[in-house]
Amino acid sequence: MDIIGQILEIDAEAEQRLLAAREQSDKLLEECAQKEKELEEQASQRADAYRQELEKTSESGTDAQTLKIRTEEKTRIKKLDAVYESEHEKWEDEIVGAIISQQ
């Protein structure tokens, strides 16, 4: 009976060790799932921050480009106004002369 008692004792101890191993395995799986969730959140936050930085850079570049285009446009308009001021009387005379000569 002593051998049977030892076998039962060993079996009980093995059962306890198996139970402890399963509990540890479950705990490790839970920790892994939590760590995975944290890593996903961090990656998402980094991606959002990067996207926002790109949007700011893009907006800044677009604003600078728009300002440059508007400045160039104003310069061209001033040049056209200057040409008109210096030439409009000549053009009017040419137009009136062309109309009169056709009659």
Protein backbone atom coordinates (compact mmCIF):
# COMPACT_ATOMS: atom_id res chain seq x y z
CA MET A 1 0.00 0.00 0.00
CA ASP A 2 2.93 2.20 0.57
CA ILE A 3 3.73 2.20 -3.14
CA ILE A 4 0.13 3.02 -4.04
CA GLY A 5 0.22 5.89 -1.56
CA GLN A 6 3.40 7.20 -3.13
CA ILE A 7 1.90 6.89 -6.60
CA LEU A 8 -1.19 8.79 -5.51
CA GLU A 9 0.95 11.40 -3.84
CA ILE A 10 3.11 11.77 -6.97
CA ASP A 11 -0.05 11.94 -9.09
CA ALA A 12 -1.52 14.65 -6.86
CA GLU A 13 1.74 16.58 -6.97
CA ALA A 14 1.84 16.25 -10.78
CA GLU A 15 -1.76 17.45 -10.96
CA GLN A 16 -0.87 20.50 -8.84
CA ARG A 17 2.16 21.25 -10.99
CA LEU A 18 0.06 20.92 -14.14
CA LEU A 19 -2.56 23.24 -12.67
CA ALA A 20 0.14 25.77 -11.71
CA ALA A 21 1.64 25.53 -15.21
CA ARG A 22 -1.79 26.15 -16.79
CA GLU A 23 -2.38 29.14 -14.51
CA GLN A 24 1.05 30.52 -15.39
CA SER A 25 0.38 29.92 -19.08
CA ASP A 26 -2.98 31.74 -18.85
CA LYS A 27 -1.31 34.60 -16.99
CA LEU A 28 1.43 34.88 -19.62
CA LEU A 29 -1.13 34.82 -22.44
CA GLU A 30 -3.10 37.57 -20.72
CA GLU A 31 0.07 39.64 -20.26
CA CYS A 32 0.94 39.13 -23.93
CA ALA A 33 -2.53 40.25 -25.02
CA GLN A 34 -2.26 43.35 -22.82
CA LYS A 35 1.21 44.14 -24.17
CA GLU A 36 -0.06 43.66 -27.74
CA LYS A 37 -2.89 46.10 -27.06
CA GLU A 38 -0.46 48.66 -25.59
CA LEU A 39 1.85 48.33 -28.58
CA GLU A 40 -1.06 48.79 -30.99
CA GLU A 41 -2.15 51.94 -29.13
CA GLN A 42 1.39 53.32 -29.18
CA ALA A 43 1.74 52.59 -32.89
CA SER A 44 -1.61 54.25 -33.57
CA GLN A 45 -0.59 57.32 -31.57
CA ARG A 46 2.73 57.55 -33.39
CA ALA A 47 0.97 57.18 -36.75
CA ASP A 48 -1.52 59.92 -35.83
CA ALA A 49 1.27 62.23 -34.67
CA TYR A 50 3.19 61.59 -37.90
CA ARG A 51 0.08 62.22 -40.00
CA GLN A 52 -0.58 65.49 -38.17
CA GLU A 53 3.03 66.56 -38.69
CA LEU A 54 2.74 65.81 -42.41
CA GLU A 55 -0.49 67.79 -42.60
CA LYS A 56 1.15 70.78 -40.88
CA THR A 57 4.14 70.58 -43.21
CA SER A 58 1.86 70.28 -46.22
CA GLU A 59 -0.29 73.22 -45.08
CA SER A 60 2.79 75.31 -44.42
CA GLY A 61 4.19 74.51 -47.85
CA THR A 62 0.87 75.19 -49.51
CA ASP A 63 0.50 78.51 -47.69
CA ALA A 64 4.00 79.56 -48.70
CA GLN A 65 3.35 78.56 -52.30
CA THR A 66 0.02 80.41 -52.34
CA LEU A 67 1.67 83.53 -50.95
CA LYS A 68 4.39 83.32 -53.60
CA ILE A 69 1.82 82.95 -56.40
CA ARG A 70 -0.23 85.88 -55.11
CA THR A 71 2.87 88.06 -54.83
CA GLU A 72 3.89 87.18 -58.40
CA GLU A 73 0.33 87.87 -59.57
CA LYS A 74 0.33 91.34 -57.95
CA THR A 75 3.68 92.10 -59.56
CA ARG A 76 2.34 91.11 -63.00
CA ILE A 77 -0.79 93.20 -62.50
CA LYS A 78 1.32 96.22 -61.54
CA LYS A 79 3.42 95.74 -64.68
CA LEU A 80 0.29 95.45 -66.82
CA ASP A 81 -1.15 98.58 -65.18
CA ALA A 82 2.09 100.44 -65.89
CA VAL A 83 2.05 99.35 -69.55
CA TYR A 84 -1.61 100.36 -69.83
CA GLU A 85 -0.94 103.77 -68.30
CA SER A 86 1.93 104.43 -70.66
CA GLU A 87 0.27 103.01 -73.81
CA HIS A 88 -3.50 103.40 -73.47
CA GLU A 89 -3.68 106.78 -75.24
CA LYS A 90 -1.67 105.38 -78.15
CA TRP A 91 -3.95 102.33 -78.32
CA GLU A 92 -7.07 104.52 -78.22
CA ASP A 93 -5.72 106.67 -81.02
CA GLU A 94 -4.90 103.58 -83.10
CA ILE A 95 -8.36 102.10 -82.50
CA VAL A 96 -10.14 105.36 -83.32
CA GLY A 97 -7.91 105.85 -86.39
CA ALA A 98 -8.69 102.32 -87.60
CA ILE A 99 -12.43 102.91 -87.16
CA ILE A 100 -12.31 106.28 -88.92
CA SER A 101 -10.22 104.98 -91.82
CA GLN A 102 -12.70 102.16 -92.46
CA GLN A 103 -15.54 104.59 -92.97
